[in-house]
Amino acid sequence: MQSRQFSRTPWSVSEIGFGAWAIGGSWGDVAESDAKTALHAALDAGMTFIDTADVYGDGRSEKIIRDVLKERGGERPMVATKAGRRLPKQVVEGYSRDNLEAWIDRSLANLGVDALDLVQLHCPPWDLYYRADIFGLLDDLVAKGKIRYYGVSVEKVEEALKAIEFPNVVSVQIIYNIFRQRPASLFFREAKARNVATIIRVPLSSGMLTGKMSAQSQFASDDHRAFNRNGEAFDMGETFSGVPYDVGLAAVERLRPLVPGGATMAQFALRWILMNDAVTVVIPGAKNKTQAEDNARASALPALSNEVMAEVKAVYDEMIAPHVHQKW
C-alpha cells in the first residue's frame, strides 16, 4: 500500500482509505458483523485512513469504527468525520457555536476519543463559504483541543475553490471519478498549490464502475441507489455521480476492454484516480471483507498508459460530460 502526505498535518495516509458510509446506512442492510469484518480487512491490508460522518446510520458508522479500533489497539489510523447534516434544513444559521460544539461532542463520544483527527463540514450551503466567522468557530474548537484539523466536504468545484481560500482548511472532500472529471481541470491545481489534501469520494460511481451492474439490477428500498436517483433525499450527484443509469451502463461497456489483465474494473477505476498526483486519498466503501481487500489491491496496480488515459477521457467527453460536467 502506497502512502501520500496529508496536507500540513503529521499524517502520511494510505492512498486507498476506507469510506464508512455503507457500513452506517443508505446502502441496504449491512450486518454489524460484516461491517466490522470489512473494516478489519481494510486495516489489515494497510489502509490508514477512515472517513465517516455523524449521520451515517445516525452514529452507527462512528460506533463501529470505535469498537474495531478498540479491539485492535496499537497505532491508530487517521479518522475523519463530518458535521452539519444533522440540521433539519441546511441554512447557514444552523452552523452556530452551540450546534457545532454539540455535533463535535457527539462524535467524540461515538468514536471514543478525546479529540477528533479531522472534522469536515458536511456539504454545507453555499452562503457559508462567505462566512469567515463560522470557520473561526472551528478555529476555536481546535484551540479547545476538541478537533485537531478541519476541512470541508463539497458537492461542487466552485465550493471547493471557495473553501480553500480559508487558510486553516487542510482538506477538501469531493467527488472525482471516471464519470466526474471536472475537479482535475482547475481545483486540483489550486489545492496542490496551497498544500490542501483531497479526499476522493464516490470513486466507483455508487458501484457503477465495478462493472457488475445491469439494466436488471435491483436495489433495496433503503439503498440510495433506489430512492435518490433524481435527488429526492440529497444531492443527485451522490448517486451514480448524477449520470443517468442507462448512460452509465453503456459507458462501462466502452471502458471494459481497457481494464488490464488480472485486475477488476473497480481496481482499474481506483487506479485511474490515483494517476493524478493532486489526489491524497481515495475512499471506496466496502460492505464485506472481499470488497475491502479488492479495493486495497488497486494501490499495487502499475500506472495506466497514456493511451488508456486518453481513451478514458474520450469516453467521458463523448458520453458522460454532457450530463454532468457543468452541474458539479
C-alpha atoms as a PDB file:
ATOM      1  CA  MET A   1       0.000   0.000   0.000  1.00  0.00           C
ATOM      2  CA  GLN A   2       1.444   3.366  -1.053  1.00  0.00           C
ATOM      3  CA  SER A   3       1.050   6.450   1.151  1.00  0.00           C
ATOM      4  CA  ARG A   4       0.662  10.184   0.482  1.00  0.00           C
ATOM      5  CA  GLN A   5       1.229  13.162   2.758  1.00  0.00           C
ATOM      6  CA  PHE A   6      -1.995  14.608   4.176  1.00  0.00           C
ATOM      7  CA  SER A   7      -1.600  18.348   3.778  1.00  0.00           C
ATOM      8  CA  ARG A   8       0.083  20.177   6.643  1.00  0.00           C
ATOM      9  CA  THR A   9      -0.779  17.505   9.213  1.00  0.00           C
ATOM     10  CA  PRO A  10       1.682  14.998  10.732  1.00  0.00           C
ATOM     11  CA  TRP A  11      -0.045  12.144   8.912  1.00  0.00           C
ATOM     12  CA  SER A  12       1.023  10.282   5.811  1.00  0.00           C
ATOM     13  CA  VAL A  13      -2.008   8.179   4.871  1.00  0.00           C
ATOM     14  CA  SER A  14      -2.622   5.207   2.625  1.00  0.00           C
ATOM     15  CA  GLU A  15      -3.679   6.326  -0.848  1.00  0.00           C
ATOM     16  CA  ILE A  16      -6.652   3.941  -0.606  1.00  0.00           C
ATOM     17  CA  GLY A  17      -8.735   4.577   2.503  1.00  0.00           C
ATOM     18  CA  PHE A  18     -11.964   3.181   3.904  1.00  0.00           C
ATOM     19  CA  GLY A  19     -15.202   5.014   3.196  1.00  0.00           C
ATOM     20  CA  ALA A  20     -17.573   4.149   6.034  1.00  0.00           C
ATOM     21  CA  TRP A  21     -20.904   5.375   4.639  1.00  0.00           C
ATOM     22  CA  ALA A  22     -22.005   1.902   3.554  1.00  0.00           C
ATOM     23  CA  ILE A  23     -21.457   0.363   6.992  1.00  0.00           C
ATOM     24  CA  GLY A  24     -23.631   3.086   8.511  1.00  0.00           C
ATOM     25  CA  GLY A  25     -26.687   3.090   6.271  1.00  0.00           C
ATOM     26  CA  SER A  26     -28.368   4.058   2.977  1.00  0.00           C
ATOM     27  CA  TRP A  27     -26.737   1.158   1.110  1.00  0.00           C
ATOM     28  CA  GLY A  28     -29.129  -1.622   2.024  1.00  0.00           C
ATOM     29  CA  ASP A  29     -28.752  -3.874   5.056  1.00  0.00           C
ATOM     30  CA  VAL A  30     -25.198  -4.471   6.267  1.00  0.00           C
ATOM     31  CA  ALA A  31     -24.904  -6.679   9.351  1.00  0.00           C
ATOM     32  CA  GLU A  32     -22.712  -5.254  12.083  1.00  0.00           C
ATOM     33  CA  SER A  33     -20.516  -8.357  11.980  1.00  0.00           C
ATOM     34  CA  ASP A  34     -19.942  -7.877   8.241  1.00  0.00           C
ATOM     35  CA  ALA A  35     -19.202  -4.189   8.745  1.00  0.00           C
ATOM     36  CA  LYS A  36     -16.599  -4.932  11.404  1.00  0.00           C
ATOM     37  CA  THR A  37     -15.029  -7.688   9.314  1.00  0.00           C
ATOM     38  CA  ALA A  38     -14.783  -5.330   6.345  1.00  0.00           C
ATOM     39  CA  LEU A  39     -13.071  -2.651   8.415  1.00  0.00           C
ATOM     40  CA  HIS A  40     -10.652  -5.156   9.978  1.00  0.00           C
ATOM     41  CA  ALA A  41      -9.775  -6.407   6.484  1.00  0.00           C
ATOM     42  CA  ALA A  42      -9.167  -2.860   5.242  1.00  0.00           C
ATOM     43  CA  LEU A  43      -6.820  -2.105   8.134  1.00  0.00           C
ATOM     44  CA  ASP A  44      -5.050  -5.458   7.733  1.00  0.00           C
ATOM     45  CA  ALA A  45      -4.487  -4.545   4.064  1.00  0.00           C
ATOM     46  CA  GLY A  46      -2.655  -1.379   5.062  1.00  0.00           C
ATOM     47  CA  MET A  47      -5.356   1.299   4.983  1.00  0.00           C
ATOM     48  CA  THR A  48      -4.535   4.073   7.446  1.00  0.00           C
ATOM     49  CA  PHE A  49      -7.381   6.497   6.699  1.00  0.00           C
ATOM     50  CA  ILE A  50     -11.065   6.069   7.602  1.00  0.00           C
ATOM     51  CA  ASP A  51     -13.797   8.503   6.580  1.00  0.00           C
ATOM     52  CA  THR A  52     -17.183   8.614   8.287  1.00  0.00           C
ATOM     53  CA  ALA A  53     -19.895  11.105   9.335  1.00  0.00           C
ATOM     54  CA  ASP A  54     -22.145  11.652  12.310  1.00  0.00           C
ATOM     55  CA  VAL A  55     -25.239  10.979  10.186  1.00  0.00           C
ATOM     56  CA  TYR A  56     -24.103   7.653   8.711  1.00  0.00           C
ATOM     57  CA  GLY A  57     -26.628   5.396  10.375  1.00  0.00           C
ATOM     58  CA  ASP A  58     -27.237   8.158  12.949  1.00  0.00           C
ATOM     59  CA  GLY A  59     -23.878   7.401  14.555  1.00  0.00           C
ATOM     60  CA  ARG A  60     -23.738   3.675  13.775  1.00  0.00           C
ATOM     61  CA  SER A  61     -20.728   4.051  11.495  1.00  0.00           C
ATOM     62  CA  GLU A  62     -18.747   6.042  14.068  1.00  0.00           C
ATOM     63  CA  LYS A  63     -19.527   3.498  16.804  1.00  0.00           C
ATOM     64  CA  ILE A  64     -18.466   0.545  14.635  1.00  0.00           C
ATOM     65  CA  ILE A  65     -15.165   2.298  13.953  1.00  0.00           C
ATOM     66  CA  ARG A  66     -14.719   2.935  17.694  1.00  0.00           C
ATOM     67  CA  ASP A  67     -15.312  -0.720  18.522  1.00  0.00           C
ATOM     68  CA  VAL A  68     -12.979  -2.075  15.825  1.00  0.00           C
ATOM     69  CA  LEU A  69     -10.125   0.267  16.741  1.00  0.00           C
ATOM     70  CA  LYS A  70     -10.550  -0.582  20.418  1.00  0.00           C
ATOM     71  CA  GLU A  71     -10.380  -4.287  19.573  1.00  0.00           C
ATOM     72  CA  ARG A  72      -7.214  -3.821  17.557  1.00  0.00           C
ATOM     73  CA  GLY A  73      -5.294  -1.484  19.840  1.00  0.00           C
ATOM     74  CA  GLY A  74      -1.878  -0.296  18.696  1.00  0.00           C
ATOM     75  CA  GLU A  75      -1.260   2.567  16.293  1.00  0.00           C
ATOM     76  CA  ARG A  76      -4.474   4.236  15.174  1.00  0.00           C
ATOM     77  CA  PRO A  77      -5.320   5.217  11.617  1.00  0.00           C
ATOM     78  CA  MET A  78      -6.377   8.779  10.855  1.00  0.00           C
ATOM     79  CA  VAL A  79     -10.158   9.022  11.335  1.00  0.00           C
ATOM     80  CA  ALA A  80     -12.108  11.785   9.637  1.00  0.00           C
ATOM     81  CA  THR A  81     -15.740  12.520  10.417  1.00  0.00           C
ATOM     82  CA  LYS A  82     -18.228  15.153   9.265  1.00  0.00           C
ATOM     83  CA  ALA A  83     -20.730  17.515  10.846  1.00  0.00           C
ATOM     84  CA  GLY A  84     -23.659  19.619   9.702  1.00  0.00           C
ATOM     85  CA  ARG A  85     -26.160  17.189   8.218  1.00  0.00           C
ATOM     86  CA  ARG A  86     -27.982  16.758  11.494  1.00  0.00           C
ATOM     87  CA  LEU A  87     -29.722  20.040  10.751  1.00  0.00           C
ATOM     88  CA  PRO A  88     -33.356  19.571   9.680  1.00  0.00           C
ATOM     89  CA  LYS A  89     -32.720  22.152   6.955  1.00  0.00           C
ATOM     90  CA  GLN A  90     -29.430  23.346   5.508  1.00  0.00           C
ATOM     91  CA  VAL A  91     -29.229  27.005   6.485  1.00  0.00           C
ATOM     92  CA  VAL A  92     -26.116  28.932   7.490  1.00  0.00           C
ATOM     93  CA  GLU A  93     -27.750  29.981  10.778  1.00  0.00           C
ATOM     94  CA  GLY A  94     -27.719  26.326  11.801  1.00  0.00           C
ATOM     95  CA  TYR A  95     -23.922  26.376  11.960  1.00  0.00           C
ATOM     96  CA  SER A  96     -23.909  28.140  15.312  1.00  0.00           C
ATOM     97  CA  ARG A  97     -21.311  27.757  18.046  1.00  0.00           C
ATOM     98  CA  ASP A  98     -23.700  25.682  20.158  1.00  0.00           C
ATOM     99  CA  ASN A  99     -24.670  23.373  17.310  1.00  0.00           C
ATOM    100  CA  LEU A 100     -21.113  22.844  16.085  1.00  0.00           C
ATOM    101  CA  GLU A 101     -19.855  22.029  19.548  1.00  0.00           C
ATOM    102  CA  ALA A 102     -22.784  19.686  20.234  1.00  0.00           C
ATOM    103  CA  TRP A 103     -22.124  17.793  16.999  1.00  0.00           C
ATOM    104  CA  ILE A 104     -18.422  17.544  17.828  1.00  0.00           C
ATOM    105  CA  ASP A 105     -19.152  16.321  21.359  1.00  0.00           C
ATOM    106  CA  ARG A 106     -21.475  13.642  19.987  1.00  0.00           C
ATOM    107  CA  SER A 107     -18.826  12.405  17.535  1.00  0.00           C
ATOM    108  CA  LEU A 108     -16.192  12.419  20.281  1.00  0.00           C
ATOM    109  CA  ALA A 109     -18.432  10.102  22.319  1.00  0.00           C
ATOM    110  CA  ASN A 110     -19.341   7.911  19.336  1.00  0.00           C
ATOM    111  CA  LEU A 111     -15.692   7.472  18.342  1.00  0.00           C
ATOM    112  CA  GLY A 112     -14.477   7.172  21.935  1.00  0.00           C
ATOM    113  CA  VAL A 113     -11.694   9.752  21.635  1.00  0.00           C
ATOM    114  CA  ASP A 114     -10.648  12.966  23.342  1.00  0.00           C
ATOM    115  CA  ALA A 115     -10.006  14.852  20.082  1.00  0.00           C
ATOM    116  CA  LEU A 116     -11.189  14.310  16.511  1.00  0.00           C
ATOM    117  CA  ASP A 117      -8.396  13.987  13.940  1.00  0.00           C
ATOM    118  CA  LEU A 118     -10.301  15.767  11.185  1.00  0.00           C
ATOM    119  CA  VAL A 119     -13.772  17.307  11.103  1.00  0.00           C
ATOM    120  CA  GLN A 120     -15.304  18.194   7.746  1.00  0.00           C
ATOM    121  CA  LEU A 121     -18.296  20.449   7.283  1.00  0.00           C
ATOM    122  CA  HIS A 122     -20.706  18.115   5.520  1.00  0.00           C
ATOM    123  CA  CYS A 123     -21.701  19.715   2.200  1.00  0.00           C
ATOM    124  CA  PRO A 124     -22.857  22.982   3.787  1.00  0.00           C
ATOM    125  CA  PRO A 125     -24.935  25.622   1.967  1.00  0.00           C
ATOM    126  CA  TRP A 126     -23.231  27.965  -0.481  1.00  0.00           C
ATOM    127  CA  ASP A 127     -23.567  31.091   1.693  1.00  0.00           C
ATOM    128  CA  LEU A 128     -21.426  29.502   4.406  1.00  0.00           C
ATOM    129  CA  TYR A 129     -18.321  29.915   2.230  1.00  0.00           C
ATOM    130  CA  TYR A 130     -18.663  33.673   2.681  1.00  0.00           C
ATOM    131  CA  ARG A 131     -18.798  33.433   6.481  1.00  0.00           C
ATOM    132  CA  ALA A 132     -15.326  33.703   7.963  1.00  0.00           C
ATOM    133  CA  ASP A 133     -16.921  33.738  11.423  1.00  0.00           C
ATOM    134  CA  ILE A 134     -18.090  30.124  11.040  1.00  0.00           C
ATOM    135  CA  PHE A 135     -14.597  28.979  10.127  1.00  0.00           C
ATOM    136  CA  GLY A 136     -13.494  30.976  13.166  1.00  0.00           C
ATOM    137  CA  LEU A 137     -15.731  28.759  15.313  1.00  0.00           C
ATOM    138  CA  LEU A 138     -13.806  25.753  14.005  1.00  0.00           C
ATOM    139  CA  ASP A 139     -10.560  27.506  14.911  1.00  0.00           C
ATOM    140  CA  ASP A 140     -11.959  27.900  18.426  1.00  0.00           C
ATOM    141  CA  LEU A 141     -12.691  24.162  18.622  1.00  0.00           C
ATOM    142  CA  VAL A 142      -9.110  23.447  17.542  1.00  0.00           C
ATOM    143  CA  ALA A 143      -7.879  25.791  20.280  1.00  0.00           C
ATOM    144  CA  LYS A 144     -10.064  23.965  22.829  1.00  0.00           C
ATOM    145  CA  GLY A 145      -8.466  20.665  21.808  1.00  0.00           C
ATOM    146  CA  LYS A 146     -11.672  19.023  20.615  1.00  0.00           C
ATOM    147  CA  ILE A 147     -10.549  18.787  16.989  1.00  0.00           C
ATOM    148  CA  ARG A 148      -7.052  18.671  15.520  1.00  0.00           C
ATOM    149  CA  TYR A 149      -7.763  19.833  11.966  1.00  0.00           C
ATOM    150  CA  TYR A 150     -10.738  20.708   9.814  1.00  0.00           C
ATOM    151  CA  GLY A 151     -11.810  20.632   6.192  1.00  0.00           C
ATOM    152  CA  VAL A 152     -14.926  20.726   4.037  1.00  0.00           C
ATOM    153  CA  SER A 153     -16.836  18.125   2.060  1.00  0.00           C
ATOM    154  CA  VAL A 154     -18.348  19.713  -1.042  1.00  0.00           C
ATOM    155  CA  GLU A 155     -20.713  18.972  -3.897  1.00  0.00           C
ATOM    156  CA  LYS A 156     -19.396  21.471  -6.454  1.00  0.00           C
ATOM    157  CA  VAL A 157     -15.996  22.535  -7.743  1.00  0.00           C
ATOM    158  CA  GLU A 158     -16.895  26.168  -7.057  1.00  0.00           C
ATOM    159  CA  GLU A 159     -17.486  25.340  -3.387  1.00  0.00           C
ATOM    160  CA  ALA A 160     -14.108  23.613  -3.212  1.00  0.00           C
ATOM    161  CA  LEU A 161     -12.371  26.662  -4.654  1.00  0.00           C
ATOM    162  CA  LYS A 162     -14.088  28.932  -2.114  1.00  0.00           C
ATOM    163  CA  ALA A 163     -13.290  26.591   0.793  1.00  0.00           C
ATOM    164  CA  ILE A 164      -9.538  26.641   0.212  1.00  0.00           C
ATOM    165  CA  GLU A 165      -9.462  30.418   0.488  1.00  0.00           C
ATOM    166  CA  PHE A 166      -9.721  29.885   4.263  1.00  0.00           C
ATOM    167  CA  PRO A 167      -6.141  29.322   5.437  1.00  0.00           C
ATOM    168  CA  ASN A 168      -6.847  26.658   8.064  1.00  0.00           C
ATOM    169  CA  VAL A 169      -8.839  24.371   5.766  1.00  0.00           C
ATOM    170  CA  VAL A 170      -6.457  21.422   5.354  1.00  0.00           C
ATOM    171  CA  SER A 171      -8.659  19.198   3.206  1.00  0.00           C
ATOM    172  CA  VAL A 172     -11.494  19.109   0.721  1.00  0.00           C
ATOM    173  CA  GLN A 173     -13.573  16.021   0.078  1.00  0.00           C
ATOM    174  CA  ILE A 174     -15.013  15.935  -3.423  1.00  0.00           C
ATOM    175  CA  ILE A 175     -16.469  13.532  -5.967  1.00  0.00           C
ATOM    176  CA  TYR A 176     -13.904  12.607  -8.615  1.00  0.00           C
ATOM    177  CA  ASN A 177     -14.010   9.514 -10.776  1.00  0.00           C
ATOM    178  CA  ILE A 178     -14.043   8.424 -14.414  1.00  0.00           C
ATOM    179  CA  PHE A 179     -17.590   9.834 -14.639  1.00  0.00           C
ATOM    180  CA  ARG A 180     -16.823  13.111 -12.779  1.00  0.00           C
ATOM    181  CA  GLN A 181     -13.593  14.576 -14.159  1.00  0.00           C
ATOM    182  CA  ARG A 182     -14.110  18.317 -13.739  1.00  0.00           C
ATOM    183  CA  PRO A 183     -12.134  18.701 -10.462  1.00  0.00           C
ATOM    184  CA  ALA A 184      -8.936  17.949 -12.379  1.00  0.00           C
ATOM    185  CA  SER A 185      -9.277  20.965 -14.669  1.00  0.00           C
ATOM    186  CA  LEU A 186      -8.690  23.679 -12.050  1.00  0.00           C
ATOM    187  CA  PHE A 187      -9.422  22.688  -8.481  1.00  0.00           C
ATOM    188  CA  PHE A 188      -6.674  20.074  -8.148  1.00  0.00           C
ATOM    189  CA  ARG A 189      -4.056  22.544  -9.328  1.00  0.00           C
ATOM    190  CA  GLU A 190      -5.185  25.111  -6.768  1.00  0.00           C
ATOM    191  CA  ALA A 191      -5.364  22.543  -3.961  1.00  0.00           C
ATOM    192  CA  LYS A 192      -1.876  21.304  -4.716  1.00  0.00           C
ATOM    193  CA  ALA A 193      -0.507  24.851  -4.803  1.00  0.00           C
ATOM    194  CA  ARG A 194      -1.987  25.527  -1.341  1.00  0.00           C
ATOM    195  CA  ASN A 195      -0.993  22.124   0.075  1.00  0.00           C
ATOM    196  CA  VAL A 196      -4.630  21.159   0.680  1.00  0.00           C
ATOM    197  CA  ALA A 197      -5.366  17.441   0.884  1.00  0.00           C
ATOM    198  CA  THR A 198      -8.027  15.994  -1.420  1.00  0.00           C
ATOM    199  CA  ILE A 199     -10.267  13.173  -0.221  1.00  0.00           C
ATOM    200  CA  ILE A 200     -11.963  11.462  -3.154  1.00  0.00           C
ATOM    201  CA  ARG A 201     -15.418  10.067  -2.505  1.00  0.00           C
ATOM    202  CA  VAL A 202     -17.838   8.127  -4.768  1.00  0.00           C
ATOM    203  CA  PRO A 203     -14.795   6.785  -6.660  1.00  0.00           C
ATOM    204  CA  LEU A 204     -16.741   3.859  -8.120  1.00  0.00           C
ATOM    205  CA  SER A 205     -19.796   5.945  -9.010  1.00  0.00           C
ATOM    206  CA  SER A 206     -22.042   4.175  -6.472  1.00  0.00           C
ATOM    207  CA  GLY A 207     -20.877   0.805  -7.777  1.00  0.00           C
ATOM    208  CA  MET A 208     -21.481   1.553 -11.448  1.00  0.00           C
ATOM    209  CA  LEU A 209     -17.736   1.439 -12.128  1.00  0.00           C
ATOM    210  CA  THR A 210     -17.414  -2.053 -10.679  1.00  0.00           C
ATOM    211  CA  GLY A 211     -18.858  -3.291 -13.971  1.00  0.00           C
ATOM    212  CA  LYS A 212     -21.225  -5.575 -12.093  1.00  0.00           C
ATOM    213  CA  MET A 213     -24.495  -3.742 -12.703  1.00  0.00           C
ATOM    214  CA  SER A 214     -27.051  -4.250 -15.442  1.00  0.00           C
ATOM    215  CA  ALA A 215     -30.452  -2.980 -16.508  1.00  0.00           C
ATOM    216  CA  GLN A 216     -31.918  -5.741 -14.333  1.00  0.00           C
ATOM    217  CA  SER A 217     -30.065  -4.816 -11.132  1.00  0.00           C
ATOM    218  CA  GLN A 218     -32.335  -4.308  -8.135  1.00  0.00           C
ATOM    219  CA  PHE A 219     -31.626  -2.187  -5.060  1.00  0.00           C
ATOM    220  CA  ALA A 220     -33.167  -2.397  -1.604  1.00  0.00           C
ATOM    221  CA  SER A 221     -35.689   0.276  -0.669  1.00  0.00           C
ATOM    222  CA  ASP A 222     -33.268   1.701   1.923  1.00  0.00           C
ATOM    223  CA  ASP A 223     -30.434   1.924  -0.627  1.00  0.00           C
ATOM    224  CA  HIS A 224     -29.898   5.448  -2.011  1.00  0.00           C
ATOM    225  CA  ARG A 225     -29.427   3.933  -5.463  1.00  0.00           C
ATOM    226  CA  ALA A 226     -33.145   3.166  -5.330  1.00  0.00           C
ATOM    227  CA  PHE A 227     -34.504   6.262  -3.583  1.00  0.00           C
ATOM    228  CA  ASN A 228     -32.194   9.090  -4.689  1.00  0.00           C
ATOM    229  CA  ARG A 229     -31.869   8.657  -8.463  1.00  0.00           C
ATOM    230  CA  ASN A 230     -33.236  12.162  -9.032  1.00  0.00           C
ATOM    231  CA  GLY A 231     -32.041  13.823  -5.844  1.00  0.00           C
ATOM    232  CA  GLU A 232     -35.137  13.075  -3.789  1.00  0.00           C
ATOM    233  CA  ALA A 233     -33.208  12.778  -0.488  1.00  0.00           C
ATOM    234  CA  PHE A 234     -29.911  14.613  -1.068  1.00  0.00           C
ATOM    235  CA  ASP A 235     -27.796  15.866  -3.939  1.00  0.00           C
ATOM    236  CA  MET A 236     -28.427  13.830  -7.079  1.00  0.00           C
ATOM    237  CA  GLY A 237     -24.706  13.816  -7.837  1.00  0.00           C
ATOM    238  CA  GLU A 238     -24.067  11.475  -4.886  1.00  0.00           C
ATOM    239  CA  THR A 239     -25.917   8.659  -6.676  1.00  0.00           C
ATOM    240  CA  PHE A 240     -24.221   7.218  -9.772  1.00  0.00           C
ATOM    241  CA  SER A 241     -22.339  10.549  -9.961  1.00  0.00           C
ATOM    242  CA  GLY A 242     -25.510  12.120 -11.376  1.00  0.00           C
ATOM    243  CA  VAL A 243     -25.181  10.103 -14.594  1.00  0.00           C
ATOM    244  CA  PRO A 244     -28.377   8.557 -15.993  1.00  0.00           C
ATOM    245  CA  TYR A 245     -28.325   4.846 -15.217  1.00  0.00           C
ATOM    246  CA  ASP A 246     -28.578   3.651 -18.813  1.00  0.00           C
ATOM    247  CA  VAL A 247     -25.850   6.052 -19.952  1.00  0.00           C
ATOM    248  CA  GLY A 248     -23.567   4.798 -17.199  1.00  0.00           C
ATOM    249  CA  LEU A 249     -24.104   1.184 -18.222  1.00  0.00           C
ATOM    250  CA  ALA A 250     -23.269   1.980 -21.845  1.00  0.00           C
ATOM    251  CA  ALA A 251     -20.122   3.870 -20.850  1.00  0.00           C
ATOM    252  CA  VAL A 252     -18.981   0.958 -18.689  1.00  0.00           C
ATOM    253  CA  GLU A 253     -19.091  -1.294 -21.754  1.00  0.00           C
ATOM    254  CA  ARG A 254     -16.828   1.169 -23.597  1.00  0.00           C
ATOM    255  CA  LEU A 255     -14.419   1.078 -20.664  1.00  0.00           C
ATOM    256  CA  ARG A 256     -14.400  -2.682 -20.105  1.00  0.00           C
ATOM    257  CA  PRO A 257     -11.744  -3.513 -22.757  1.00  0.00           C
ATOM    258  CA  LEU A 258      -9.345  -1.042 -21.091  1.00  0.00           C
ATOM    259  CA  VAL A 259      -9.154  -2.992 -17.822  1.00  0.00           C
ATOM    260  CA  PRO A 260      -5.726  -4.644 -17.567  1.00  0.00           C
ATOM    261  CA  GLY A 261      -5.470  -8.392 -17.230  1.00  0.00           C
ATOM    262  CA  GLY A 262      -5.658  -9.632 -13.662  1.00  0.00           C
ATOM    263  CA  ALA A 263      -7.441  -6.507 -12.420  1.00  0.00           C
ATOM    264  CA  THR A 264     -11.105  -5.858 -11.739  1.00  0.00           C
ATOM    265  CA  MET A 265     -12.897  -2.889 -13.221  1.00  0.00           C
ATOM    266  CA  ALA A 266     -13.196  -1.426  -9.719  1.00  0.00           C
ATOM    267  CA  GLN A 267      -9.432  -1.613  -9.251  1.00  0.00           C
ATOM    268  CA  PHE A 268      -8.926  -0.046 -12.675  1.00  0.00           C
ATOM    269  CA  ALA A 269     -11.282   2.822 -11.746  1.00  0.00           C
ATOM    270  CA  LEU A 270      -9.417   3.412  -8.476  1.00  0.00           C
ATOM    271  CA  ARG A 271      -6.029   3.282 -10.212  1.00  0.00           C
ATOM    272  CA  TRP A 272      -7.256   5.855 -12.737  1.00  0.00           C
ATOM    273  CA  ILE A 273      -7.973   8.266  -9.868  1.00  0.00           C
ATOM    274  CA  LEU A 274      -4.546   7.666  -8.320  1.00  0.00           C
ATOM    275  CA  MET A 275      -2.862   8.685 -11.577  1.00  0.00           C
ATOM    276  CA  ASN A 276      -3.432  12.305 -10.511  1.00  0.00           C
ATOM    277  CA  ASP A 277      -0.766  13.361  -8.030  1.00  0.00           C
ATOM    278  CA  ALA A 278      -3.064  16.021  -6.558  1.00  0.00           C
ATOM    279  CA  VAL A 279      -5.162  13.188  -5.085  1.00  0.00           C
ATOM    280  CA  THR A 280      -4.329  12.434  -1.454  1.00  0.00           C
ATOM    281  CA  VAL A 281      -6.633   9.539  -0.588  1.00  0.00           C
ATOM    282  CA  VAL A 282      -9.486   7.682  -2.296  1.00  0.00           C
ATOM    283  CA  ILE A 283     -12.247   6.315  -0.044  1.00  0.00           C
ATOM    284  CA  PRO A 284     -14.231   3.493  -1.667  1.00  0.00           C
ATOM    285  CA  GLY A 285     -16.757   1.825   0.587  1.00  0.00           C
ATOM    286  CA  ALA A 286     -16.864  -1.856   1.415  1.00  0.00           C
ATOM    287  CA  LYS A 287     -19.664  -3.952   2.864  1.00  0.00           C
ATOM    288  CA  ASN A 288     -17.563  -7.077   3.392  1.00  0.00           C
ATOM    289  CA  LYS A 289     -14.027  -8.451   3.661  1.00  0.00           C
ATOM    290  CA  THR A 290     -13.669  -9.291  -0.030  1.00  0.00           C
ATOM    291  CA  GLN A 291     -14.602  -5.797  -1.213  1.00  0.00           C
ATOM    292  CA  ALA A 292     -12.187  -4.189   1.249  1.00  0.00           C
ATOM    293  CA  GLU A 293      -9.303  -6.409   0.158  1.00  0.00           C
ATOM    294  CA  ASP A 294     -10.048  -5.876  -3.541  1.00  0.00           C
ATOM    295  CA  ASN A 295     -10.081  -2.106  -3.059  1.00  0.00           C
ATOM    296  CA  ALA A 296      -6.704  -2.200  -1.316  1.00  0.00           C
ATOM    297  CA  ARG A 297      -5.085  -4.079  -4.207  1.00  0.00           C
ATOM    298  CA  ALA A 298      -5.657  -1.126  -6.536  1.00  0.00           C
ATOM    299  CA  SER A 299      -2.661   0.592  -4.931  1.00  0.00           C
ATOM    300  CA  ALA A 300      -0.341  -2.075  -6.342  1.00  0.00           C
ATOM    301  CA  LEU A 301      -1.529  -1.843  -9.961  1.00  0.00           C
ATOM    302  CA  PRO A 302       1.011  -0.427 -12.419  1.00  0.00           C
ATOM    303  CA  ALA A 303       0.469   3.029 -13.884  1.00  0.00           C
ATOM    304  CA  LEU A 304      -2.030   3.266 -16.724  1.00  0.00           C
ATOM    305  CA  SER A 305      -0.633   4.087 -20.161  1.00  0.00           C
ATOM    306  CA  ASN A 306      -1.127   7.412 -21.917  1.00  0.00           C
ATOM    307  CA  GLU A 307      -3.236   5.593 -24.499  1.00  0.00           C
ATOM    308  CA  VAL A 308      -5.576   4.181 -21.859  1.00  0.00           C
ATOM    309  CA  MET A 309      -5.875   7.545 -20.138  1.00  0.00           C
ATOM    310  CA  ALA A 310      -6.737   9.175 -23.468  1.00  0.00           C
ATOM    311  CA  GLU A 311      -9.423   6.606 -24.199  1.00  0.00           C
ATOM    312  CA  VAL A 312     -10.993   7.106 -20.749  1.00  0.00           C
ATOM    313  CA  LYS A 313     -11.061  10.850 -21.451  1.00  0.00           C
ATOM    314  CA  ALA A 314     -12.756  10.195 -24.807  1.00  0.00           C
ATOM    315  CA  VAL A 315     -15.471   8.098 -23.149  1.00  0.00           C
ATOM    316  CA  TYR A 316     -16.069  10.889 -20.642  1.00  0.00           C
ATOM    317  CA  ASP A 317     -16.133  13.657 -23.239  1.00  0.00           C
ATOM    318  CA  GLU A 318     -18.439  11.827 -25.621  1.00  0.00           C
ATOM    319  CA  MET A 319     -20.842  10.042 -23.279  1.00  0.00           C
ATOM    320  CA  ILE A 320     -20.715  11.469 -19.756  1.00  0.00           C
ATOM    321  CA  ALA A 321     -19.706  15.142 -19.779  1.00  0.00           C
ATOM    322  CA  PRO A 322     -22.933  16.390 -21.418  1.00  0.00           C
ATOM    323  CA  HIS A 323     -24.870  15.059 -18.400  1.00  0.00           C
ATOM    324  CA  VAL A 324     -22.629  16.188 -15.524  1.00  0.00           C
ATOM    325  CA  HIS A 325     -19.712  18.434 -16.373  1.00  0.00           C
ATOM    326  CA  GLN A 326     -21.246  21.868 -15.763  1.00  0.00           C
ATOM    327  CA  LYS A 327     -23.559  20.739 -12.946  1.00  0.00           C
ATOM    328  CA  TRP A 328     -20.928  19.984 -10.327  1.00  0.00           C
END
